[in-house]
Amino acid sequence: MAVLRLFAAAREAAGVGRDVVAGDTVDAVLANATRRYGDTFAVLLGSCRIWVNGDAVEPGQTVGDDDEVAVLPPVSGGQ
């Protein structure tokens, strides 16, 4: 099971900032997280960047028990 880290709006949609989610690929982890957290999370996920252990990854990337999958929503701001 991978450690799932959720930031900003993703954390708000899920109601947690950190969780352990089953899956052997990034896609599987995110699919299981979507089932757990619901529609609001699913909609938000489409605009998020996904990183594993600090590196941007492709959806099919394999993950293991010691991997951290981070969900980073777009950030707005500025002047």
PDB file of N, CA and C in Angstrom:
ATOM      1  N   MET A   1       0.834  -1.177   0.000  1.00  0.00           N
ATOM      2  CA  MET A   1       0.000   0.000   0.000  1.00  0.00           C
ATOM      3  C   MET A   1       0.879   1.241   0.000  1.00  0.00           C
ATOM      4  N   ALA A   2       0.534   2.163  -0.841  1.00  0.00           N
ATOM      5  CA  ALA A   2       1.287   3.408  -0.939  1.00  0.00           C
ATOM      6  C   ALA A   2       0.729   4.433   0.041  1.00  0.00           C
ATOM      7  N   VAL A   3       1.572   5.358   0.447  1.00  0.00           N
ATOM      8  CA  VAL A   3       1.132   6.485   1.259  1.00  0.00           C
ATOM      9  C   VAL A   3       0.636   7.563   0.299  1.00  0.00           C
ATOM     10  N   LEU A   4      -0.585   8.000   0.509  1.00  0.00           N
ATOM     11  CA  LEU A   4      -1.179   9.041  -0.322  1.00  0.00           C
ATOM     12  C   LEU A   4      -1.137  10.341   0.459  1.00  0.00           C
ATOM     13  N   ARG A   5      -0.511  11.375  -0.131  1.00  0.00           N
ATOM     14  CA  ARG A   5      -0.451  12.710   0.482  1.00  0.00           C
ATOM     15  C   ARG A   5      -1.316  13.640  -0.346  1.00  0.00           C
ATOM     16  N   LEU A   6      -2.204  14.355   0.319  1.00  0.00           N
ATOM     17  CA  LEU A   6      -3.152  15.241  -0.350  1.00  0.00           C
ATOM     18  C   LEU A   6      -2.916  16.668   0.121  1.00  0.00           C
ATOM     19  N   PHE A   7      -2.892  17.590  -0.818  1.00  0.00           N
ATOM     20  CA  PHE A   7      -2.591  18.972  -0.498  1.00  0.00           C
ATOM     21  C   PHE A   7      -3.731  19.896  -0.921  1.00  0.00           C
ATOM     22  N   ALA A   8      -3.867  20.997  -0.212  1.00  0.00           N
ATOM     23  CA  ALA A   8      -4.795  22.081  -0.532  1.00  0.00           C
ATOM     24  C   ALA A   8      -6.220  21.562  -0.772  1.00  0.00           C
ATOM     25  N   ALA A   9      -6.790  21.859  -1.937  1.00  0.00           N
ATOM     26  CA  ALA A   9      -8.180  21.484  -2.236  1.00  0.00           C
ATOM     27  C   ALA A   9      -8.386  19.972  -2.239  1.00  0.00           C
ATOM     28  N   ALA A  10      -7.365  19.205  -2.587  1.00  0.00           N
ATOM     29  CA  ALA A  10      -7.487  17.739  -2.559  1.00  0.00           C
ATOM     30  C   ALA A  10      -7.646  17.257  -1.120  1.00  0.00           C
ATOM     31  N   ARG A  11      -6.918  17.873  -0.219  1.00  0.00           N
ATOM     32  CA  ARG A  11      -7.036  17.537   1.204  1.00  0.00           C
ATOM     33  C   ARG A  11      -8.439  17.888   1.709  1.00  0.00           C
ATOM     34  N   GLU A  12      -8.934  19.027   1.301  1.00  0.00           N
ATOM     35  CA  GLU A  12     -10.279  19.440   1.717  1.00  0.00           C
ATOM     36  C   GLU A  12     -11.347  18.496   1.159  1.00  0.00           C
ATOM     37  N   ALA A  13     -11.214  18.108  -0.095  1.00  0.00           N
ATOM     38  CA  ALA A  13     -12.200  17.221  -0.719  1.00  0.00           C
ATOM     39  C   ALA A  13     -12.215  15.845  -0.064  1.00  0.00           C
ATOM     40  N   ALA A  14     -11.045  15.359   0.332  1.00  0.00           N
ATOM     41  CA  ALA A  14     -10.944  14.025   0.932  1.00  0.00           C
ATOM     42  C   ALA A  14     -11.211  14.033   2.432  1.00  0.00           C
ATOM     43  N   GLY A  15     -10.961  15.160   3.065  1.00  0.00           N
ATOM     44  CA  GLY A  15     -11.123  15.239   4.513  1.00  0.00           C
ATOM     45  C   GLY A  15      -9.922  14.742   5.296  1.00  0.00           C
ATOM     46  N   VAL A  16      -8.850  14.403   4.585  1.00  0.00           N
ATOM     47  CA  VAL A  16      -7.599  13.955   5.221  1.00  0.00           C
ATOM     48  C   VAL A  16      -6.421  14.480   4.414  1.00  0.00           C
ATOM     49  N   GLY A  17      -5.286  14.606   5.054  1.00  0.00           N
ATOM     50  CA  GLY A  17      -4.074  15.027   4.368  1.00  0.00           C
ATOM     51  C   GLY A  17      -3.149  13.875   4.028  1.00  0.00           C
ATOM     52  N   ARG A  18      -3.362  12.760   4.721  1.00  0.00           N
ATOM     53  CA  ARG A  18      -2.495  11.593   4.525  1.00  0.00           C
ATOM     54  C   ARG A  18      -3.331  10.344   4.741  1.00  0.00           C
ATOM     55  N   ASP A  19      -3.073   9.331   3.906  1.00  0.00           N
ATOM     56  CA  ASP A  19      -3.791   8.072   4.031  1.00  0.00           C
ATOM     57  C   ASP A  19      -2.930   6.974   3.430  1.00  0.00           C
ATOM     58  N   VAL A  20      -3.267   5.748   3.697  1.00  0.00           N
ATOM     59  CA  VAL A  20      -2.610   4.600   3.085  1.00  0.00           C
ATOM     60  C   VAL A  20      -3.644   3.952   2.180  1.00  0.00           C
ATOM     61  N   VAL A  21      -3.280   3.816   0.888  1.00  0.00           N
ATOM     62  CA  VAL A  21      -4.239   3.348  -0.114  1.00  0.00           C
ATOM     63  C   VAL A  21      -3.617   2.209  -0.914  1.00  0.00           C
ATOM     64  N   ALA A  22      -4.381   1.161  -1.129  1.00  0.00           N
ATOM     65  CA  ALA A  22      -3.910   0.004  -1.890  1.00  0.00           C
ATOM     66  C   ALA A  22      -3.803   0.337  -3.368  1.00  0.00           C
ATOM     67  N   GLY A  23      -2.876  -0.323  -4.038  1.00  0.00           N
ATOM     68  CA  GLY A  23      -2.702  -0.185  -5.477  1.00  0.00           C
ATOM     69  C   GLY A  23      -1.259  -0.416  -5.859  1.00  0.00           C
ATOM     70  N   ASP A  24      -1.049  -1.057  -7.008  1.00  0.00           N
ATOM     71  CA  ASP A  24       0.321  -1.322  -7.442  1.00  0.00           C
ATOM     72  C   ASP A  24       0.783  -0.375  -8.542  1.00  0.00           C
ATOM     73  N   THR A  25      -0.112   0.515  -8.981  1.00  0.00           N
ATOM     74  CA  THR A  25       0.245   1.586  -9.923  1.00  0.00           C
ATOM     75  C   THR A  25      -0.380   2.887  -9.422  1.00  0.00           C
ATOM     76  N   VAL A  26       0.084   3.992  -9.952  1.00  0.00           N
ATOM     77  CA  VAL A  26      -0.496   5.284  -9.604  1.00  0.00           C
ATOM     78  C   VAL A  26      -1.988   5.275  -9.922  1.00  0.00           C
ATOM     79  N   ASP A  27      -2.361   4.773 -11.107  1.00  0.00           N
ATOM     80  CA  ASP A  27      -3.783   4.707 -11.481  1.00  0.00           C
ATOM     81  C   ASP A  27      -4.607   3.930 -10.457  1.00  0.00           C
ATOM     82  N   ALA A  28      -4.106   2.797 -10.008  1.00  0.00           N
ATOM     83  CA  ALA A  28      -4.846   1.976  -9.052  1.00  0.00           C
ATOM     84  C   ALA A  28      -5.003   2.684  -7.712  1.00  0.00           C
ATOM     85  N   VAL A  29      -3.950   3.328  -7.251  1.00  0.00           N
ATOM     86  CA  VAL A  29      -4.021   4.079  -5.990  1.00  0.00           C
ATOM     87  C   VAL A  29      -5.063   5.187  -6.108  1.00  0.00           C
ATOM     88  N   LEU A  30      -5.036   5.929  -7.212  1.00  0.00           N
ATOM     89  CA  LEU A  30      -5.977   7.033  -7.386  1.00  0.00           C
ATOM     90  C   LEU A  30      -7.407   6.538  -7.568  1.00  0.00           C
ATOM     91  N   ALA A  31      -7.592   5.406  -8.236  1.00  0.00           N
ATOM     92  CA  ALA A  31      -8.931   4.831  -8.388  1.00  0.00           C
ATOM     93  C   ALA A  31      -9.489   4.415  -7.028  1.00  0.00           C
ATOM     94  N   ASN A  32      -8.667   3.795  -6.210  1.00  0.00           N
ATOM     95  CA  ASN A  32      -9.105   3.401  -4.868  1.00  0.00           C
ATOM     96  C   ASN A  32      -9.382   4.623  -4.006  1.00  0.00           C
ATOM     97  N   ALA A  33      -8.559   5.656  -4.140  1.00  0.00           N
ATOM     98  CA  ALA A  33      -8.794   6.893  -3.390  1.00  0.00           C
ATOM     99  C   ALA A  33     -10.096   7.546  -3.836  1.00  0.00           C
ATOM    100  N   THR A  34     -10.378   7.525  -5.120  1.00  0.00           N
ATOM    101  CA  THR A  34     -11.623   8.111  -5.634  1.00  0.00           C
ATOM    102  C   THR A  34     -12.834   7.374  -5.078  1.00  0.00           C
ATOM    103  N   ARG A  35     -12.775   6.063  -5.025  1.00  0.00           N
ATOM    104  CA  ARG A  35     -13.878   5.298  -4.428  1.00  0.00           C
ATOM    105  C   ARG A  35     -14.053   5.657  -2.943  1.00  0.00           C
ATOM    106  N   ARG A  36     -12.952   5.900  -2.279  1.00  0.00           N
ATOM    107  CA  ARG A  36     -12.998   6.209  -0.847  1.00  0.00           C
ATOM    108  C   ARG A  36     -13.514   7.624  -0.581  1.00  0.00           C
ATOM    109  N   TYR A  37     -13.092   8.591  -1.407  1.00  0.00           N
ATOM    110  CA  TYR A  37     -13.370  10.003  -1.112  1.00  0.00           C
ATOM    111  C   TYR A  37     -14.528  10.598  -1.894  1.00  0.00           C
ATOM    112  N   GLY A  38     -14.990   9.957  -2.968  1.00  0.00           N
ATOM    113  CA  GLY A  38     -16.208  10.390  -3.634  1.00  0.00           C
ATOM    114  C   GLY A  38     -16.044  11.322  -4.821  1.00  0.00           C
ATOM    115  N   ASP A  39     -17.196  11.823  -5.268  1.00  0.00           N
ATOM    116  CA  ASP A  39     -17.299  12.585  -6.513  1.00  0.00           C
ATOM    117  C   ASP A  39     -16.527  13.899  -6.501  1.00  0.00           C
ATOM    118  N   THR A  40     -16.567  14.631  -5.403  1.00  0.00           N
ATOM    119  CA  THR A  40     -15.863  15.918  -5.349  1.00  0.00           C
ATOM    120  C   THR A  40     -14.371  15.705  -5.552  1.00  0.00           C
ATOM    121  N   PHE A  41     -13.845  14.692  -4.911  1.00  0.00           N
ATOM    122  CA  PHE A  41     -12.434  14.357  -5.078  1.00  0.00           C
ATOM    123  C   PHE A  41     -12.147  13.938  -6.516  1.00  0.00           C
ATOM    124  N   ALA A  42     -13.022  13.131  -7.100  1.00  0.00           N
ATOM    125  CA  ALA A  42     -12.838  12.646  -8.474  1.00  0.00           C
ATOM    126  C   ALA A  42     -12.770  13.800  -9.465  1.00  0.00           C
ATOM    127  N   VAL A  43     -13.658  14.768  -9.315  1.00  0.00           N
ATOM    128  CA  VAL A  43     -13.669  15.923 -10.222  1.00  0.00           C
ATOM    129  C   VAL A  43     -12.383  16.724 -10.081  1.00  0.00           C
ATOM    130  N   LEU A  44     -11.973  16.967  -8.860  1.00  0.00           N
ATOM    131  CA  LEU A  44     -10.752  17.733  -8.602  1.00  0.00           C
ATOM    132  C   LEU A  44      -9.513  17.025  -9.139  1.00  0.00           C
ATOM    133  N   LEU A  45      -9.491  15.719  -9.019  1.00  0.00           N
ATOM    134  CA  LEU A  45      -8.328  14.934  -9.420  1.00  0.00           C
ATOM    135  C   LEU A  45      -7.934  15.171 -10.878  1.00  0.00           C
ATOM    136  N   GLY A  46      -8.920  15.446 -11.733  1.00  0.00           N
ATOM    137  CA  GLY A  46      -8.636  15.685 -13.146  1.00  0.00           C
ATOM    138  C   GLY A  46      -7.734  16.871 -13.422  1.00  0.00           C
ATOM    139  N   SER A  47      -7.638  17.804 -12.489  1.00  0.00           N
ATOM    140  CA  SER A  47      -6.798  18.990 -12.702  1.00  0.00           C
ATOM    141  C   SER A  47      -5.517  18.964 -11.867  1.00  0.00           C
ATOM    142  N   CYS A  48      -5.270  17.869 -11.168  1.00  0.00           N
ATOM    143  CA  CYS A  48      -4.126  17.782 -10.264  1.00  0.00           C
ATOM    144  C   CYS A  48      -2.881  17.215 -10.942  1.00  0.00           C
ATOM    145  N   ARG A  49      -1.749  17.570 -10.385  1.00  0.00           N
ATOM    146  CA  ARG A  49      -0.472  16.961 -10.755  1.00  0.00           C
ATOM    147  C   ARG A  49      -0.228  15.830  -9.772  1.00  0.00           C
ATOM    148  N   ILE A  50       0.349  14.741 -10.267  1.00  0.00           N
ATOM    149  CA  ILE A  50       0.630  13.583  -9.418  1.00  0.00           C
ATOM    150  C   ILE A  50       2.142  13.347  -9.403  1.00  0.00           C
ATOM    151  N   TRP A  51       2.665  13.213  -8.218  1.00  0.00           N
ATOM    152  CA  TRP A  51       4.084  12.977  -8.026  1.00  0.00           C
ATOM    153  C   TRP A  51       4.273  11.725  -7.169  1.00  0.00           C
ATOM    154  N   VAL A  52       5.334  10.991  -7.436  1.00  0.00           N
ATOM    155  CA  VAL A  52       5.708   9.856  -6.595  1.00  0.00           C
ATOM    156  C   VAL A  52       7.118  10.099  -6.090  1.00  0.00           C
ATOM    157  N   ASN A  53       7.240  10.114  -4.777  1.00  0.00           N
ATOM    158  CA  ASN A  53       8.547  10.324  -4.132  1.00  0.00           C
ATOM    159  C   ASN A  53       9.238  11.584  -4.638  1.00  0.00           C
ATOM    160  N   GLY A  54       8.442  12.629  -4.890  1.00  0.00           N
ATOM    161  CA  GLY A  54       9.007  13.918  -5.287  1.00  0.00           C
ATOM    162  C   GLY A  54       9.231  14.108  -6.769  1.00  0.00           C
ATOM    163  N   ASP A  55       8.844  13.154  -7.596  1.00  0.00           N
ATOM    164  CA  ASP A  55       9.033  13.262  -9.042  1.00  0.00           C
ATOM    165  C   ASP A  55       7.697  13.136  -9.773  1.00  0.00           C
ATOM    166  N   ALA A  56       7.502  13.962 -10.798  1.00  0.00           N
ATOM    167  CA  ALA A  56       6.304  13.851 -11.629  1.00  0.00           C
ATOM    168  C   ALA A  56       6.320  12.487 -12.323  1.00  0.00           C
ATOM    169  N   VAL A  57       5.143  11.867 -12.444  1.00  0.00           N
ATOM    170  CA  VAL A  57       5.078  10.514 -13.002  1.00  0.00           C
ATOM    171  C   VAL A  57       3.937  10.371 -13.994  1.00  0.00           C
ATOM    172  N   GLU A  58       3.986   9.294 -14.731  1.00  0.00           N
ATOM    173  CA  GLU A  58       2.907   8.888 -15.629  1.00  0.00           C
ATOM    174  C   GLU A  58       1.926   8.037 -14.836  1.00  0.00           C
ATOM    175  N   PRO A  59       0.657   7.975 -15.265  1.00  0.00           N
ATOM    176  CA  PRO A  59      -0.360   7.229 -14.522  1.00  0.00           C
ATOM    177  C   PRO A  59      -0.048   5.743 -14.318  1.00  0.00           C
ATOM    178  N   GLY A  60       0.633   5.110 -15.252  1.00  0.00           N
ATOM    179  CA  GLY A  60       0.923   3.684 -15.147  1.00  0.00           C
ATOM    180  C   GLY A  60       2.127   3.343 -14.296  1.00  0.00           C
ATOM    181  N   GLN A  61       2.770   4.345 -13.732  1.00  0.00           N
ATOM    182  CA  GLN A  61       3.955   4.132 -12.893  1.00  0.00           C
ATOM    183  C   GLN A  61       3.637   3.148 -11.764  1.00  0.00           C
ATOM    184  N   THR A  62       4.500   2.179 -11.561  1.00  0.00           N
ATOM    185  CA  THR A  62       4.285   1.244 -10.457  1.00  0.00           C
ATOM    186  C   THR A  62       4.667   1.906  -9.135  1.00  0.00           C
ATOM    187  N   VAL A  63       3.991   1.475  -8.077  1.00  0.00           N
ATOM    188  CA  VAL A  63       4.288   1.979  -6.740  1.00  0.00           C
ATOM    189  C   VAL A  63       4.335   0.806  -5.773  1.00  0.00           C
ATOM    190  N   GLY A  64       5.094   0.992  -4.726  1.00  0.00           N
ATOM    191  CA  GLY A  64       5.219  -0.035  -3.710  1.00  0.00           C
ATOM    192  C   GLY A  64       4.863   0.507  -2.335  1.00  0.00           C
ATOM    193  N   ASP A  65       5.070  -0.322  -1.330  1.00  0.00           N
ATOM    194  CA  ASP A  65       4.690   0.026   0.039  1.00  0.00           C
ATOM    195  C   ASP A  65       5.414   1.248   0.586  1.00  0.00           C
ATOM    196  N   ASP A  66       6.606   1.499   0.149  1.00  0.00           N
ATOM    197  CA  ASP A  66       7.378   2.614   0.689  1.00  0.00           C
ATOM    198  C   ASP A  66       7.248   3.887  -0.140  1.00  0.00           C
ATOM    199  N   ASP A  67       6.407   3.866  -1.175  1.00  0.00           N
ATOM    200  CA  ASP A  67       6.273   5.023  -2.052  1.00  0.00           C
ATOM    201  C   ASP A  67       5.220   5.999  -1.545  1.00  0.00           C
ATOM    202  N   GLU A  68       5.484   7.288  -1.794  1.00  0.00           N
ATOM    203  CA  GLU A  68       4.551   8.344  -1.447  1.00  0.00           C
ATOM    204  C   GLU A  68       3.971   8.936  -2.728  1.00  0.00           C
ATOM    205  N   VAL A  69       2.653   8.842  -2.873  1.00  0.00           N
ATOM    206  CA  VAL A  69       1.947   9.405  -4.018  1.00  0.00           C
ATOM    207  C   VAL A  69       1.336  10.724  -3.552  1.00  0.00           C
ATOM    208  N   ALA A  70       1.749  11.825  -4.174  1.00  0.00           N
ATOM    209  CA  ALA A  70       1.271  13.150  -3.785  1.00  0.00           C
ATOM    210  C   ALA A  70       0.312  13.692  -4.832  1.00  0.00           C
ATOM    211  N   VAL A  71      -0.808  14.231  -4.372  1.00  0.00           N
ATOM    212  CA  VAL A  71      -1.811  14.846  -5.237  1.00  0.00           C
ATOM    213  C   VAL A  71      -1.750  16.346  -5.007  1.00  0.00           C
ATOM    214  N   LEU A  72      -1.346  17.082  -6.062  1.00  0.00           N
ATOM    215  CA  LEU A  72      -1.126  18.519  -5.969  1.00  0.00           C
ATOM    216  C   LEU A  72      -2.089  19.266  -6.888  1.00  0.00           C
ATOM    217  N   PRO A  73      -3.108  19.884  -6.320  1.00  0.00           N
ATOM    218  CA  PRO A  73      -4.045  20.662  -7.129  1.00  0.00           C
ATOM    219  C   PRO A  73      -3.368  21.906  -7.694  1.00  0.00           C
ATOM    220  N   PRO A  74      -3.958  22.492  -8.746  1.00  0.00           N
ATOM    221  CA  PRO A  74      -3.397  23.731  -9.264  1.00  0.00           C
ATOM    222  C   PRO A  74      -3.456  24.815  -8.184  1.00  0.00           C
ATOM    223  N   VAL A  75      -2.471  25.677  -8.216  1.00  0.00           N
ATOM    224  CA  VAL A  75      -2.404  26.749  -7.240  1.00  0.00           C
ATOM    225  C   VAL A  75      -2.737  28.061  -7.943  1.00  0.00           C
ATOM    226  N   SER A  76      -3.632  28.806  -7.343  1.00  0.00           N
ATOM    227  CA  SER A  76      -3.914  30.134  -7.882  1.00  0.00           C
ATOM    228  C   SER A  76      -3.378  31.160  -6.917  1.00  0.00           C
ATOM    229  N   GLY A  77      -3.224  32.334  -7.400  1.00  0.00           N
ATOM    230  CA  GLY A  77      -2.710  33.389  -6.552  1.00  0.00           C
ATOM    231  C   GLY A  77      -2.016  34.432  -7.394  1.00  0.00           C
ATOM    232  N   GLY A  78      -1.202  35.175  -6.762  1.00  0.00           N
ATOM    233  CA  GLY A  78      -0.504  36.252  -7.461  1.00  0.00           C
ATOM    234  C   GLY A  78      -0.945  37.579  -6.916  1.00  0.00           C
ATOM    235  N   GLN A  79      -0.879  38.557  -7.780  1.00  0.00           N
ATOM    236  CA  GLN A  79      -1.160  39.905  -7.303  1.00  0.00           C
ATOM    237  C   GLN A  79      -2.559  40.330  -7.536  1.00  0.00           C
TER     238      GLN A  79
END
